[in-house]
Amino acid sequence: MTQPAPARPPKPLFSNVSPAVPSPCISLCRLDEQKVCLGCFRHVEDIREWRSADDQRRRVIVAQAEQRKAGA
């Protein structure tokens, strides 16, 4: 009797926590009319993408959030 092939582990999502790029979330989660968080200044789509983004993309998201914050 043959054994079934071992199940492949699911493709890992990047962790929501990265020692290289910490989340800018400050737990003040409220969106303005443009769907930008008033706490971290990330756009709602950036917040959704954060979990699967690699560190390079996270740096871009953080930089864009900092630009939004400076313009606020």
N, C-alpha and C. Protein backbone atom coordinates (compact mmCIF):
# COMPACT_ATOMS: atom_id res chain seq x y z
N MET A 1 0.84 -1.18 0.00
CA MET A 1 0.00 0.00 0.00
C MET A 1 0.89 1.25 0.00
N THR A 2 0.59 2.19 -0.88
CA THR A 2 1.40 3.40 -0.95
C THR A 2 0.79 4.48 -0.07
N GLN A 3 1.68 5.29 0.45
CA GLN A 3 1.23 6.39 1.29
C GLN A 3 1.01 7.62 0.42
N PRO A 4 0.02 8.42 0.75
CA PRO A 4 -0.19 9.65 -0.02
C PRO A 4 0.98 10.61 0.17
N ALA A 5 1.19 11.41 -0.84
CA ALA A 5 2.27 12.40 -0.75
C ALA A 5 1.96 13.36 0.39
N PRO A 6 3.00 13.77 1.10
CA PRO A 6 2.74 14.70 2.20
C PRO A 6 2.17 16.02 1.68
N ALA A 7 1.27 16.57 2.43
CA ALA A 7 0.66 17.85 2.03
C ALA A 7 1.71 18.95 2.09
N ARG A 8 1.68 19.78 1.06
CA ARG A 8 2.60 20.93 1.06
C ARG A 8 2.07 21.98 2.01
N PRO A 9 2.96 22.61 2.75
CA PRO A 9 2.47 23.69 3.61
C PRO A 9 2.01 24.86 2.74
N PRO A 10 1.06 25.62 3.22
CA PRO A 10 0.60 26.76 2.42
C PRO A 10 1.72 27.76 2.22
N LYS A 11 1.64 28.48 1.11
CA LYS A 11 2.64 29.52 0.88
C LYS A 11 2.54 30.52 2.02
N PRO A 12 3.66 30.84 2.62
CA PRO A 12 3.57 31.75 3.77
C PRO A 12 3.28 33.17 3.34
N LEU A 13 2.41 33.81 4.07
CA LEU A 13 2.23 35.25 3.90
C LEU A 13 3.33 35.90 4.72
N PHE A 14 3.74 37.04 4.32
CA PHE A 14 4.71 37.74 5.13
C PHE A 14 4.02 38.08 6.44
N SER A 15 4.78 38.06 7.48
CA SER A 15 4.22 38.33 8.79
C SER A 15 3.73 39.77 8.86
N ASN A 16 2.71 39.96 9.66
CA ASN A 16 2.22 41.31 9.90
C ASN A 16 3.23 42.10 10.72
N VAL A 17 4.14 41.41 11.40
CA VAL A 17 5.16 42.04 12.22
C VAL A 17 6.50 41.83 11.54
N SER A 18 7.21 42.91 11.30
CA SER A 18 8.52 42.82 10.68
C SER A 18 9.51 43.59 11.52
N PRO A 19 10.62 42.96 11.90
CA PRO A 19 11.62 43.70 12.65
C PRO A 19 12.26 44.81 11.81
N ALA A 20 12.25 44.66 10.50
CA ALA A 20 12.87 45.65 9.61
C ALA A 20 11.97 46.86 9.39
N VAL A 21 10.66 46.63 9.28
CA VAL A 21 9.72 47.72 9.00
C VAL A 21 8.53 47.58 9.95
N PRO A 22 8.58 48.26 11.08
CA PRO A 22 7.45 48.15 12.01
C PRO A 22 6.21 48.83 11.45
N SER A 23 5.07 48.32 11.85
CA SER A 23 3.80 48.89 11.41
C SER A 23 3.65 50.30 11.97
N PRO A 24 3.16 51.23 11.16
CA PRO A 24 2.93 52.60 11.65
C PRO A 24 1.62 52.73 12.44
N CYS A 25 0.88 51.65 12.57
CA CYS A 25 -0.41 51.69 13.27
C CYS A 25 -0.21 52.13 14.72
N ILE A 26 -1.05 53.08 15.14
CA ILE A 26 -1.02 53.53 16.54
C ILE A 26 -2.36 53.24 17.22
N SER A 27 -3.13 52.35 16.63
CA SER A 27 -4.43 51.93 17.17
C SER A 27 -5.42 53.07 17.30
N LEU A 28 -5.36 54.01 16.37
CA LEU A 28 -6.34 55.09 16.27
C LEU A 28 -6.93 54.96 14.87
N CYS A 29 -7.75 53.96 14.68
CA CYS A 29 -8.19 53.55 13.34
C CYS A 29 -9.50 54.22 12.96
N ARG A 30 -9.39 55.34 12.25
CA ARG A 30 -10.55 56.06 11.73
C ARG A 30 -10.19 56.58 10.35
N LEU A 31 -11.08 56.36 9.40
CA LEU A 31 -10.82 56.78 8.03
C LEU A 31 -11.48 58.12 7.74
N ASP A 32 -10.77 58.96 6.98
CA ASP A 32 -11.35 60.22 6.54
C ASP A 32 -12.11 59.99 5.24
N GLU A 33 -12.52 61.07 4.59
CA GLU A 33 -13.32 60.97 3.36
C GLU A 33 -12.54 60.34 2.20
N GLN A 34 -11.22 60.46 2.23
CA GLN A 34 -10.38 59.88 1.17
C GLN A 34 -9.94 58.46 1.51
N LYS A 35 -10.49 57.88 2.58
CA LYS A 35 -10.17 56.53 3.03
C LYS A 35 -8.73 56.43 3.51
N VAL A 36 -8.26 57.50 4.17
CA VAL A 36 -6.93 57.52 4.78
C VAL A 36 -7.13 57.47 6.29
N CYS A 37 -6.37 56.61 6.95
CA CYS A 37 -6.48 56.47 8.40
C CYS A 37 -5.94 57.72 9.09
N LEU A 38 -6.69 58.24 10.04
CA LEU A 38 -6.29 59.43 10.77
C LEU A 38 -5.21 59.14 11.82
N GLY A 39 -4.96 57.87 12.08
CA GLY A 39 -3.93 57.50 13.04
C GLY A 39 -2.57 57.30 12.40
N CYS A 40 -2.52 56.48 11.35
CA CYS A 40 -1.23 56.14 10.73
C CYS A 40 -1.03 56.77 9.36
N PHE A 41 -2.08 57.38 8.80
CA PHE A 41 -2.04 58.06 7.50
C PHE A 41 -1.80 57.11 6.33
N ARG A 42 -2.10 55.83 6.53
CA ARG A 42 -2.08 54.91 5.40
C ARG A 42 -3.45 54.90 4.74
N HIS A 43 -3.47 54.72 3.43
CA HIS A 43 -4.73 54.56 2.70
C HIS A 43 -5.26 53.17 3.05
N VAL A 44 -6.56 53.01 2.99
CA VAL A 44 -7.19 51.74 3.35
C VAL A 44 -6.61 50.59 2.51
N GLU A 45 -6.29 50.83 1.25
CA GLU A 45 -5.71 49.76 0.41
C GLU A 45 -4.31 49.39 0.90
N ASP A 46 -3.56 50.37 1.38
CA ASP A 46 -2.23 50.07 1.93
C ASP A 46 -2.35 49.25 3.21
N ILE A 47 -3.35 49.56 4.01
CA ILE A 47 -3.58 48.79 5.24
C ILE A 47 -3.91 47.35 4.89
N ARG A 48 -4.75 47.15 3.89
CA ARG A 48 -5.11 45.79 3.47
C ARG A 48 -3.90 45.04 2.92
N GLU A 49 -3.05 45.76 2.21
CA GLU A 49 -1.89 45.13 1.58
C GLU A 49 -0.77 44.82 2.57
N TRP A 50 -0.74 45.50 3.70
CA TRP A 50 0.38 45.42 4.64
C TRP A 50 0.75 43.98 4.99
N ARG A 51 -0.22 43.17 5.27
CA ARG A 51 0.05 41.80 5.73
C ARG A 51 0.85 40.98 4.71
N SER A 52 0.59 41.18 3.44
CA SER A 52 1.28 40.38 2.42
C SER A 52 2.45 41.12 1.76
N ALA A 53 2.67 42.38 2.16
CA ALA A 53 3.74 43.17 1.54
C ALA A 53 5.11 42.76 2.07
N ASP A 54 6.10 42.77 1.18
CA ASP A 54 7.47 42.52 1.64
C ASP A 54 8.03 43.82 2.24
N ASP A 55 9.22 43.74 2.81
CA ASP A 55 9.78 44.90 3.51
C ASP A 55 9.98 46.10 2.58
N GLN A 56 10.37 45.86 1.35
CA GLN A 56 10.57 46.97 0.41
C GLN A 56 9.25 47.71 0.17
N ARG A 57 8.18 46.96 -0.05
CA ARG A 57 6.87 47.59 -0.28
C ARG A 57 6.40 48.30 0.99
N ARG A 58 6.65 47.70 2.15
CA ARG A 58 6.26 48.34 3.40
C ARG A 58 6.96 49.68 3.59
N ARG A 59 8.23 49.74 3.19
CA ARG A 59 8.95 51.02 3.28
C ARG A 59 8.29 52.09 2.41
N VAL A 60 7.83 51.69 1.23
CA VAL A 60 7.13 52.63 0.34
C VAL A 60 5.83 53.09 0.99
N ILE A 61 5.08 52.16 1.56
CA ILE A 61 3.82 52.50 2.21
C ILE A 61 4.06 53.48 3.36
N VAL A 62 5.08 53.22 4.17
CA VAL A 62 5.39 54.09 5.30
C VAL A 62 5.80 55.47 4.81
N ALA A 63 6.61 55.53 3.76
CA ALA A 63 7.05 56.82 3.21
C ALA A 63 5.85 57.63 2.70
N GLN A 64 4.92 56.97 2.02
CA GLN A 64 3.73 57.66 1.52
C GLN A 64 2.88 58.15 2.69
N ALA A 65 2.77 57.35 3.74
CA ALA A 65 2.01 57.75 4.92
C ALA A 65 2.65 58.97 5.58
N GLU A 66 3.97 58.98 5.64
CA GLU A 66 4.67 60.12 6.25
C GLU A 66 4.44 61.39 5.42
N GLN A 67 4.40 61.25 4.10
CA GLN A 67 4.12 62.41 3.25
C GLN A 67 2.70 62.93 3.49
N ARG A 68 1.74 62.01 3.65
CA ARG A 68 0.37 62.42 3.93
C ARG A 68 0.29 63.14 5.28
N LYS A 69 1.02 62.60 6.26
CA LYS A 69 1.00 63.19 7.60
C LYS A 69 1.60 64.59 7.57
N ALA A 70 2.69 64.77 6.84
CA ALA A 70 3.34 66.08 6.74
C ALA A 70 2.43 67.10 6.06
N GLY A 71 1.59 66.64 5.13
CA GLY A 71 0.69 67.52 4.41
C GLY A 71 -0.61 67.79 5.15
N ALA A 72 -0.82 67.09 6.26
CA ALA A 72 -2.08 67.24 7.01
C ALA A 72 -2.08 68.50 7.85
